[in-house]
N, C-alpha and C. Protein backbone atom coordinates (compact mmCIF):
# COMPACT_ATOMS: atom_id res chain seq x y z
N MET A 1 21.37 172.94 194.43
CA MET A 1 19.97 174.04 193.64
C MET A 1 20.42 174.62 194.26
N LYS A 2 20.43 176.16 193.89
CA LYS A 2 20.22 177.65 194.25
C LYS A 2 18.92 178.01 194.58
N ILE A 3 18.30 178.22 195.90
CA ILE A 3 16.84 179.29 195.50
C ILE A 3 17.19 180.80 195.74
N ARG A 4 16.23 181.20 194.88
CA ARG A 4 16.51 183.03 194.57
C ARG A 4 15.25 183.30 195.27
N TYR A 5 14.93 184.34 196.36
CA TYR A 5 13.96 185.11 196.56
C TYR A 5 13.51 186.78 195.90
N GLY A 6 12.67 187.22 195.92
CA GLY A 6 12.44 188.31 195.11
C GLY A 6 12.53 188.13 193.10
N PHE A 7 12.51 189.07 192.88
CA PHE A 7 12.54 188.89 190.97
C PHE A 7 14.04 189.18 190.48
N VAL A 8 14.63 188.18 189.87
CA VAL A 8 15.48 188.23 189.39
C VAL A 8 15.70 188.39 188.22
N SER A 9 16.32 188.33 186.80
CA SER A 9 16.45 188.92 185.46
C SER A 9 16.09 186.94 184.75
N ASN A 10 14.97 187.64 183.44
CA ASN A 10 14.77 186.40 183.37
C ASN A 10 15.57 185.63 182.14
N SER A 11 15.79 184.32 182.36
CA SER A 11 16.50 183.36 181.71
C SER A 11 16.13 182.09 181.76
N SER A 12 16.48 181.34 180.53
CA SER A 12 15.95 179.74 180.06
C SER A 12 16.34 178.87 180.91
N SER A 13 17.02 179.39 182.07
CA SER A 13 17.70 178.92 182.85
C SER A 13 17.18 178.43 184.45
N THR A 14 16.13 179.29 184.39
CA THR A 14 15.02 180.03 185.65
C THR A 14 14.35 179.37 185.50
N SER A 15 13.85 178.57 186.40
CA SER A 15 12.31 177.90 186.81
C SER A 15 11.08 179.38 187.67
N TYR A 16 10.35 179.41 187.06
CA TYR A 16 9.81 180.31 188.04
C TYR A 16 8.65 179.62 189.03
N ALA A 17 8.53 179.29 189.66
CA ALA A 17 7.25 178.88 190.83
C ALA A 17 5.70 180.10 191.02
N ILE A 18 4.55 179.70 190.37
CA ILE A 18 3.57 181.14 190.29
C ILE A 18 2.09 180.12 191.36
N LEU A 19 1.83 181.37 191.70
CA LEU A 19 -0.04 180.66 191.89
C LEU A 19 -0.56 182.24 191.54
N LEU A 20 -1.25 181.43 190.82
CA LEU A 20 -2.53 182.04 190.09
C LEU A 20 -3.32 182.60 190.73
N PRO A 21 -4.12 183.46 191.23
CA PRO A 21 -5.34 183.36 192.25
C PRO A 21 -6.30 183.39 190.71
N ASP A 22 -7.43 183.02 191.43
CA ASP A 22 -8.71 183.25 190.15
C ASP A 22 -9.03 184.40 189.66
N ASN A 23 -8.70 185.68 190.51
CA ASN A 23 -8.70 187.05 190.14
C ASN A 23 -7.56 187.00 188.79
N ALA A 24 -6.37 186.47 188.93
CA ALA A 24 -5.31 187.34 188.76
C ALA A 24 -5.19 188.12 187.12
N GLU A 25 -4.71 188.71 187.02
CA GLU A 25 -5.11 189.84 186.15
C GLU A 25 -3.27 190.15 185.12
N PHE A 26 -3.62 190.17 183.82
CA PHE A 26 -1.69 190.07 183.34
C PHE A 26 -2.04 191.56 182.89
N LYS A 27 -0.52 191.92 183.22
CA LYS A 27 -0.39 193.72 182.98
C LYS A 27 0.97 193.55 182.71
N VAL A 28 0.77 194.47 181.46
CA VAL A 28 1.92 194.86 180.47
C VAL A 28 1.71 196.13 180.35
N CYS A 29 3.68 196.54 180.22
CA CYS A 29 3.82 197.71 179.85
C CYS A 29 3.17 198.37 178.77
N TYR A 30 3.55 197.33 177.44
CA TYR A 30 3.25 197.73 176.30
C TYR A 30 1.91 197.06 175.44
N GLU A 31 1.48 197.62 174.35
CA GLU A 31 0.09 196.89 174.13
C GLU A 31 0.93 196.19 172.51
N ASP A 32 1.52 195.41 172.50
CA ASP A 32 2.20 194.79 170.87
C ASP A 32 1.89 193.24 170.96
N GLU A 33 2.49 193.20 170.02
CA GLU A 33 2.16 191.18 169.38
C GLU A 33 2.56 190.85 170.24
N THR A 34 4.06 191.03 170.64
CA THR A 34 4.79 190.24 171.95
C THR A 34 3.93 190.38 173.68
N SER A 35 3.64 191.31 173.53
CA SER A 35 2.37 191.30 174.93
C SER A 35 1.31 190.49 174.87
N GLU A 36 0.54 190.41 173.80
CA GLU A 36 -0.78 189.68 173.12
C GLU A 36 -0.04 188.26 173.24
N SER A 37 0.81 188.43 172.87
CA SER A 37 0.93 186.27 173.00
C SER A 37 1.24 185.93 174.03
N ALA A 38 1.97 186.98 175.06
CA ALA A 38 2.01 186.89 176.50
C ALA A 38 0.80 186.43 176.89
N LYS A 39 0.01 187.32 177.09
CA LYS A 39 -1.32 187.37 177.61
C LYS A 39 -2.21 186.13 177.10
N ARG A 40 -2.01 185.71 176.22
CA ARG A 40 -3.16 184.85 175.41
C ARG A 40 -1.94 183.39 176.12
N ILE A 41 -0.58 182.89 176.86
CA ILE A 41 0.00 182.12 177.20
C ILE A 41 -0.21 181.94 178.86
N PHE A 42 -0.54 183.45 179.69
CA PHE A 42 -1.09 183.51 180.86
C PHE A 42 -2.33 182.75 180.97
N GLU A 43 -3.12 183.30 179.77
CA GLU A 43 -5.04 182.77 180.00
C GLU A 43 -4.97 181.45 179.86
N GLU A 44 -4.11 181.00 179.02
CA GLU A 44 -3.76 179.26 179.01
C GLU A 44 -3.56 178.89 180.46
N LEU A 45 -2.33 179.14 181.03
CA LEU A 45 -1.67 178.74 182.21
C LEU A 45 -3.40 178.89 183.06
N LYS A 46 -3.73 180.04 183.04
CA LYS A 46 -5.06 180.72 184.34
C LYS A 46 -6.17 179.43 184.39
N ALA A 47 -6.34 179.29 182.89
CA ALA A 47 -7.31 177.99 182.28
C ALA A 47 -7.40 176.88 183.38
N SER A 48 -6.03 176.23 182.53
CA SER A 48 -5.56 175.07 182.88
C SER A 48 -4.26 175.18 183.80
N PRO A 49 -4.04 173.81 184.76
CA PRO A 49 -3.15 174.47 185.92
C PRO A 49 -1.96 173.31 185.44
N THR A 50 -1.45 173.73 184.39
CA THR A 50 -0.65 172.61 183.56
C THR A 50 0.71 173.55 183.90
N ASP A 51 1.63 172.93 183.62
CA ASP A 51 3.70 173.90 183.91
C ASP A 51 3.59 174.03 182.20
N LEU A 52 4.53 174.94 182.01
CA LEU A 52 5.29 175.55 180.38
C LEU A 52 6.72 175.71 180.78
N TRP A 53 7.24 174.45 179.64
CA TRP A 53 8.71 174.91 179.49
C TRP A 53 8.81 176.38 178.33
N LEU A 54 10.19 177.32 179.07
CA LEU A 54 9.83 178.04 178.66
C LEU A 54 10.66 178.04 177.20
N ASP A 55 11.40 177.41 176.76
CA ASP A 55 11.77 177.03 175.44
C ASP A 55 11.01 176.83 174.21
N SER A 56 9.27 176.15 174.70
CA SER A 56 8.84 176.45 173.85
C SER A 56 8.03 177.73 173.28
N ILE A 57 8.91 178.66 173.66
CA ILE A 57 8.26 180.28 173.24
C ILE A 57 9.62 181.17 173.31
N ASP A 58 8.95 181.97 172.07
CA ASP A 58 10.80 182.82 172.06
C ASP A 58 10.84 183.83 172.92
N LEU A 59 12.21 184.36 173.14
CA LEU A 59 12.90 184.81 174.29
C LEU A 59 11.88 186.47 174.47
N GLU A 60 11.64 187.16 173.33
CA GLU A 60 10.98 188.17 173.91
C GLU A 60 9.20 187.69 174.15
N THR A 61 8.84 186.77 173.82
CA THR A 61 7.49 186.33 174.87
C THR A 61 8.03 186.15 176.31
N GLN A 62 9.05 185.45 176.32
CA GLN A 62 9.28 185.06 177.72
C GLN A 62 9.55 186.08 178.46
N ASP A 63 10.12 187.00 177.85
CA ASP A 63 10.26 188.80 179.20
C ASP A 63 8.84 189.11 179.73
N ALA A 64 7.88 189.00 178.14
CA ALA A 64 6.72 189.86 178.31
C ALA A 64 6.24 188.80 179.66
N LEU A 65 6.04 187.85 179.25
CA LEU A 65 5.47 186.81 180.58
C LEU A 65 5.60 186.75 181.26
N ILE A 66 7.23 186.44 181.69
CA ILE A 66 7.35 186.71 183.19
C ILE A 66 7.31 188.01 183.85
N GLU A 67 7.67 189.13 182.74
CA GLU A 67 7.17 190.46 183.31
C GLU A 67 5.88 190.49 183.63
N GLY A 68 4.53 190.16 182.69
CA GLY A 68 3.31 190.45 183.60
C GLY A 68 3.30 188.81 184.62
N LEU A 69 4.09 188.28 185.06
CA LEU A 69 3.66 186.79 186.36
C LEU A 69 4.33 187.60 187.30
N LYS A 70 5.17 188.48 187.45
CA LYS A 70 5.52 188.91 188.09
C LYS A 70 4.90 189.67 190.06
N PRO A 71 4.05 189.62 189.51
CA PRO A 71 2.66 189.20 191.41
C PRO A 71 2.56 188.34 191.59
N TYR A 72 2.81 187.38 190.95
CA TYR A 72 2.35 185.89 191.01
C TYR A 72 3.80 185.07 191.07
N ILE A 73 4.25 185.11 191.32
CA ILE A 73 5.77 184.34 191.11
C ILE A 73 6.46 184.70 192.50
N ILE A 74 6.12 183.42 193.30
CA ILE A 74 6.18 182.70 194.46
C ILE A 74 7.82 182.30 194.44
N GLY A 75 8.45 181.76 193.91
CA GLY A 75 9.89 181.26 193.79
C GLY A 75 10.29 181.19 192.54
N GLN A 76 11.83 181.36 192.79
CA GLN A 76 12.74 181.28 191.23
C GLN A 76 13.64 179.86 191.66
N PHE A 77 14.37 179.12 190.61
CA PHE A 77 15.02 178.11 190.98
C PHE A 77 15.63 178.25 189.89
N SER A 78 17.33 177.39 190.40
CA SER A 78 18.14 178.01 189.30
C SER A 78 18.94 176.28 188.97
N GLY A 79 19.35 175.67 188.33
CA GLY A 79 20.07 174.72 188.14
C GLY A 79 18.84 173.52 188.56
N GLY A 80 19.47 171.84 188.01
CA GLY A 80 18.62 170.95 188.06
C GLY A 80 18.14 170.54 186.72
N PRO A 81 17.47 169.36 186.36
CA PRO A 81 16.86 168.67 185.19
C PRO A 81 15.67 169.84 184.93
N ASP A 82 14.99 170.21 185.80
CA ASP A 82 13.73 171.16 185.71
C ASP A 82 13.75 172.28 185.79
N GLU A 83 14.97 173.26 185.14
CA GLU A 83 15.21 174.30 184.65
C GLU A 83 14.42 175.08 183.44
N GLY A 84 13.96 175.74 183.79
CA GLY A 84 12.95 176.88 182.41
C GLY A 84 11.91 176.74 182.29
N GLN A 85 11.51 176.74 183.59
CA GLN A 85 10.10 176.38 183.46
C GLN A 85 9.34 177.36 184.36
N ILE A 86 7.84 177.42 183.84
CA ILE A 86 7.02 177.73 184.68
C ILE A 86 5.90 176.85 185.46
N ILE A 87 6.25 176.81 186.85
CA ILE A 87 5.41 175.31 187.41
C ILE A 87 4.41 176.10 188.53
N GLN A 88 2.95 175.91 188.05
CA GLN A 88 2.01 176.13 188.77
C GLN A 88 1.65 175.69 190.28
N ALA A 89 1.53 176.29 191.39
CA ALA A 89 1.48 176.20 192.45
C ALA A 89 0.24 175.30 192.90
N ASN A 90 -0.53 174.04 193.23
CA ASN A 90 -1.98 173.78 193.55
C ASN A 90 -2.59 174.41 194.95
N LYS A 91 -3.16 175.30 194.15
CA LYS A 91 -3.95 176.49 195.06
C LYS A 91 -4.59 175.29 196.32
N LYS A 92 -5.42 174.24 195.80
CA LYS A 92 -6.03 173.29 196.93
C LYS A 92 -4.70 173.15 197.68
N LYS A 93 -4.06 173.14 197.30
CA LYS A 93 -2.95 172.24 198.51
C LYS A 93 -2.53 173.73 199.74
N VAL A 94 -2.23 174.80 198.56
CA VAL A 94 -1.94 175.90 199.24
C VAL A 94 -2.96 176.67 200.22
N LYS A 95 -4.28 176.31 200.02
CA LYS A 95 -5.36 176.82 201.32
C LYS A 95 -5.32 175.75 202.09
N GLU A 96 -4.93 174.22 201.74
CA GLU A 96 -5.05 173.48 203.22
C GLU A 96 -3.62 173.75 204.06
N ILE A 97 -2.30 173.84 203.49
CA ILE A 97 -1.74 174.35 204.15
C ILE A 97 -1.81 176.29 205.13
N LEU A 98 -2.48 177.15 204.09
CA LEU A 98 -3.10 178.27 205.10
C LEU A 98 -3.89 178.35 206.21
N GLY A 99 -5.14 177.42 205.91
CA GLY A 99 -5.68 176.39 206.48
C GLY A 99 -6.96 177.27 205.82
N ASN A 100 -6.89 177.73 204.66
CA ASN A 100 -7.93 178.42 203.97
C ASN A 100 -8.49 179.78 204.28
N GLU A 101 -7.51 180.27 204.42
CA GLU A 101 -7.43 182.23 204.56
C GLU A 101 -7.80 182.77 203.88
């Protein structure tokens, strides 16, 4: 498995680990239907700490979603059986690791 740091191009073979703080905001450059779809998915992710398979949404919405998630991406992974997912970090566990900073 290859682990990449920093933002790289979006593809359905890349998985993204994200950490969404309670005050996370979705910001995009364009106000269009694709961005609105991506924003709805972002709000669903924020409301429920579930993971998302990228192949369940169209490519344009994937691109808009990844663009809006950029500030919250904490890791990217390629290869393996779990490729193509948005995986949410467990906020409680992160706080434990960081000592409730």
